[in-house]
Amino acid sequence: MELRTEPTAGVACDRNSLSLAELIAHLISQHHEYLRTELPRLQRCLYTVYETYRAQDSATLASLPGLMFLMKDDLDLHMRKEELVLFPAIKQLEREAAASSSRSSRIRTMLSEHDSTAEALSDIRRTTRDYQLPSHACDRYRALFQDFETLERRLQFHMYLEENVLFPRALSLESQRCPV
């Protein structure tokens, strides 16, 4: 498990002054909703580019639909678990300033899933040779690679916020309630 560093570009928010519930609301409205809209759109665009250029660019494009499908599936499940299990637990923790060891375990699970997402992003970047376009790329192809870069930046920032602000603050509340 590796903690993300703050990306140089991203949606700015005064994350340390927000309550955990406010930070969660920010993550859902700014990051989860973006992913729910962007991932299917990006997937459709990828399939169009794939169908058009797969013969010419099979080395670059052949594995992208599978990588994208798996990453989207993993992220959909991950966000559902965060929204239905982890985030309510953190909000409850904040409200009660109480903790249990199961919350730490849930956070560790989410961190492991972040690692999987980071690996998928790395695979996409490596497969596209750092989003290098072939000379024959059309506007849709160019937009696809730009969108991949945007997705990567936003996901990195999302994971950074959770790993470096939300989760440590939740664990701090937990340790205040249950000193070692």
Protein backbone atom coordinates (compact mmCIF):
# COMPACT_ATOMS: atom_id res chain seq x y z
CA MET A 1 0.00 0.00 0.00
CA GLU A 2 1.49 3.30 -1.06
CA LEU A 3 0.15 6.69 -0.02
CA ARG A 4 -0.47 9.02 -2.91
CA THR A 5 1.25 12.36 -3.12
CA GLU A 6 -0.82 15.40 -3.84
CA PRO A 7 -1.13 15.89 -7.59
CA THR A 8 0.05 19.19 -8.97
CA ALA A 9 -3.21 19.71 -10.82
CA GLY A 10 -6.60 19.00 -9.34
CA VAL A 11 -9.71 20.35 -7.81
CA ALA A 12 -8.67 22.48 -4.88
CA CYS A 13 -10.53 22.38 -1.61
CA ASP A 14 -9.62 23.41 1.92
CA ARG A 15 -9.66 19.81 2.99
CA ASN A 16 -8.24 20.23 6.46
CA SER A 17 -10.95 22.63 7.57
CA LEU A 18 -13.77 20.41 6.35
CA SER A 19 -15.48 17.99 8.68
CA LEU A 20 -15.14 14.37 7.65
CA ALA A 21 -18.79 14.41 6.55
CA GLU A 22 -18.10 17.50 4.39
CA LEU A 23 -14.99 15.89 2.91
CA ILE A 24 -17.00 12.76 2.13
CA ALA A 25 -19.70 14.89 0.47
CA HIS A 26 -16.96 16.56 -1.60
CA LEU A 27 -15.48 13.21 -2.61
CA ILE A 28 -18.88 11.91 -3.70
CA SER A 29 -20.06 15.04 -5.51
CA GLN A 30 -16.78 15.96 -7.17
CA HIS A 31 -15.07 12.64 -7.68
CA HIS A 32 -17.56 9.77 -7.57
CA GLU A 33 -20.11 11.61 -9.70
CA TYR A 34 -17.37 12.52 -12.18
CA LEU A 35 -16.38 8.86 -12.44
CA ARG A 36 -19.98 7.71 -12.84
CA THR A 37 -20.36 10.05 -15.80
CA GLU A 38 -16.87 9.94 -17.25
CA LEU A 39 -16.04 6.24 -17.16
CA PRO A 40 -18.98 5.09 -19.36
CA ARG A 41 -18.37 7.99 -21.76
CA LEU A 42 -14.67 7.20 -21.91
CA GLN A 43 -15.45 3.53 -22.45
CA ARG A 44 -17.76 4.35 -25.39
CA CYS A 45 -15.12 6.62 -26.91
CA LEU A 46 -12.46 3.93 -26.44
CA TYR A 47 -14.60 1.35 -28.23
CA THR A 48 -15.15 3.71 -31.14
CA VAL A 49 -11.42 4.41 -31.45
CA TYR A 50 -10.68 0.71 -30.98
CA GLU A 51 -13.07 -0.33 -33.76
CA THR A 52 -11.60 2.28 -36.10
CA TYR A 53 -7.88 1.77 -35.39
CA ARG A 54 -7.43 -1.71 -33.94
CA ALA A 55 -5.76 -3.07 -37.06
CA GLN A 56 -3.31 -0.15 -37.31
CA ASP A 57 -2.61 0.24 -33.61
CA SER A 58 -3.17 -3.19 -32.14
CA ALA A 59 -0.06 -2.95 -29.93
CA THR A 60 -1.51 0.10 -28.22
CA LEU A 61 -5.23 -0.52 -28.41
CA ALA A 62 -5.63 -4.30 -28.07
CA SER A 63 -5.55 -4.46 -24.27
CA LEU A 64 -7.20 -1.09 -23.51
CA PRO A 65 -10.86 -2.23 -23.68
CA GLY A 66 -10.18 -5.03 -21.21
CA LEU A 67 -8.17 -2.79 -18.89
CA MET A 68 -10.86 -0.12 -19.03
CA PHE A 69 -13.67 -2.63 -18.42
CA LEU A 70 -11.93 -4.11 -15.38
CA MET A 71 -10.97 -0.72 -13.94
CA LYS A 72 -14.52 0.62 -14.40
CA ASP A 73 -15.98 -2.49 -12.79
CA ASP A 74 -13.53 -2.28 -9.88
CA LEU A 75 -14.19 1.43 -9.39
CA ASP A 76 -17.97 0.99 -9.52
CA LEU A 77 -17.78 -1.65 -6.79
CA HIS A 78 -15.22 0.37 -4.83
CA MET A 79 -17.38 3.52 -4.84
CA ARG A 80 -20.48 1.55 -3.81
CA LYS A 81 -18.58 0.04 -0.88
CA GLU A 82 -17.27 3.46 0.13
CA GLU A 83 -20.70 5.08 -0.08
CA LEU A 84 -22.66 2.24 1.52
CA VAL A 85 -20.21 0.95 4.11
CA LEU A 86 -17.05 2.97 4.72
CA PHE A 87 -18.28 6.56 4.45
CA PRO A 88 -21.30 5.99 6.72
CA ALA A 89 -18.98 4.33 9.23
CA ILE A 90 -16.61 7.31 9.12
CA LYS A 91 -19.50 9.75 9.51
CA GLN A 92 -20.76 7.74 12.45
CA LEU A 93 -17.25 7.74 13.86
CA GLU A 94 -17.10 11.49 13.55
CA ARG A 95 -20.52 11.93 15.14
CA GLU A 96 -19.73 9.67 18.03
CA ALA A 97 -15.96 10.14 18.15
CA ALA A 98 -15.93 6.38 18.72
CA ALA A 99 -14.14 3.70 16.84
CA SER A 100 -13.75 0.02 16.40
CA SER A 101 -11.01 -2.05 14.85
CA SER A 102 -13.32 -2.96 11.96
CA ARG A 103 -13.14 0.59 10.64
CA SER A 104 -9.36 0.32 10.32
CA SER A 105 -9.83 -2.92 8.46
CA ARG A 106 -12.31 -1.27 6.07
CA ILE A 107 -9.84 1.52 5.41
CA ARG A 108 -7.06 -1.00 4.74
CA THR A 109 -9.35 -2.72 2.23
CA MET A 110 -10.02 0.57 0.45
CA LEU A 111 -6.30 1.34 0.38
CA SER A 112 -5.62 -2.01 -1.23
CA GLU A 113 -8.28 -1.26 -3.85
CA HIS A 114 -6.65 2.12 -4.47
CA ASP A 115 -3.45 0.22 -5.26
CA SER A 116 -5.36 -1.85 -7.82
CA THR A 117 -6.74 1.30 -9.43
CA ALA A 118 -3.28 2.88 -9.51
CA GLU A 119 -1.95 -0.27 -11.18
CA ALA A 120 -4.72 -0.15 -13.81
CA LEU A 121 -3.94 3.51 -14.49
CA SER A 122 -0.28 2.64 -14.81
CA ASP A 123 -1.13 -0.18 -17.23
CA ILE A 124 -3.16 2.22 -19.37
CA ARG A 125 -0.34 4.78 -19.34
CA ARG A 126 2.24 2.13 -20.22
CA THR A 127 0.04 0.61 -22.94
CA THR A 128 -0.50 4.01 -24.56
CA ARG A 129 3.21 4.84 -24.20
CA ASP A 130 2.38 7.81 -21.95
CA TYR A 131 -0.57 8.77 -24.14
CA GLN A 132 1.52 9.18 -27.29
CA LEU A 133 -0.74 9.45 -30.30
CA PRO A 134 0.02 7.97 -33.69
CA SER A 135 0.29 10.48 -36.51
CA HIS A 136 -2.97 9.23 -38.05
CA ALA A 137 -5.02 9.80 -34.87
CA CYS A 138 -8.35 11.54 -35.43
CA ASP A 139 -9.91 14.08 -33.07
CA ARG A 140 -11.81 11.35 -31.19
CA TYR A 141 -8.58 9.39 -30.69
CA ARG A 142 -6.86 12.56 -29.39
CA ALA A 143 -9.79 13.29 -27.08
CA LEU A 144 -9.67 9.73 -25.75
CA PHE A 145 -6.04 10.04 -24.72
CA GLN A 146 -6.65 13.50 -23.20
CA ASP A 147 -9.58 12.05 -21.28
CA PHE A 148 -7.40 9.20 -20.04
CA GLU A 149 -4.93 11.78 -18.70
CA THR A 150 -7.72 13.74 -17.02
CA LEU A 151 -9.13 10.56 -15.50
CA GLU A 152 -5.69 9.65 -14.18
CA ARG A 153 -5.15 13.09 -12.61
CA ARG A 154 -8.59 13.14 -11.01
CA LEU A 155 -8.32 9.60 -9.67
CA GLN A 156 -4.88 10.34 -8.25
CA PHE A 157 -6.26 13.43 -6.52
CA HIS A 158 -9.27 11.48 -5.27
CA MET A 159 -7.04 8.78 -3.80
CA TYR A 160 -4.74 11.42 -2.35
CA LEU A 161 -7.63 13.10 -0.52
CA GLU A 162 -8.82 9.82 0.93
CA GLU A 163 -5.39 8.45 1.84
CA ASN A 164 -3.80 11.65 3.16
CA VAL A 165 -6.73 13.53 4.65
CA LEU A 166 -9.92 11.52 5.16
CA PHE A 167 -8.52 8.18 6.31
CA PRO A 168 -5.78 9.57 8.62
CA ARG A 169 -8.30 11.89 10.28
CA ALA A 170 -10.75 9.02 10.73
CA LEU A 171 -8.00 6.83 12.19
CA SER A 172 -6.98 9.67 14.49
CA LEU A 173 -10.51 9.83 15.84
CA GLU A 174 -10.39 6.08 16.25
CA SER A 175 -7.14 6.18 18.21
CA GLN A 176 -8.48 8.96 20.47
CA ARG A 177 -11.37 6.71 21.39
CA CYS A 178 -9.34 3.51 21.66
CA PRO A 179 -5.81 4.33 22.84
CA VAL A 180 -3.24 1.62 22.25
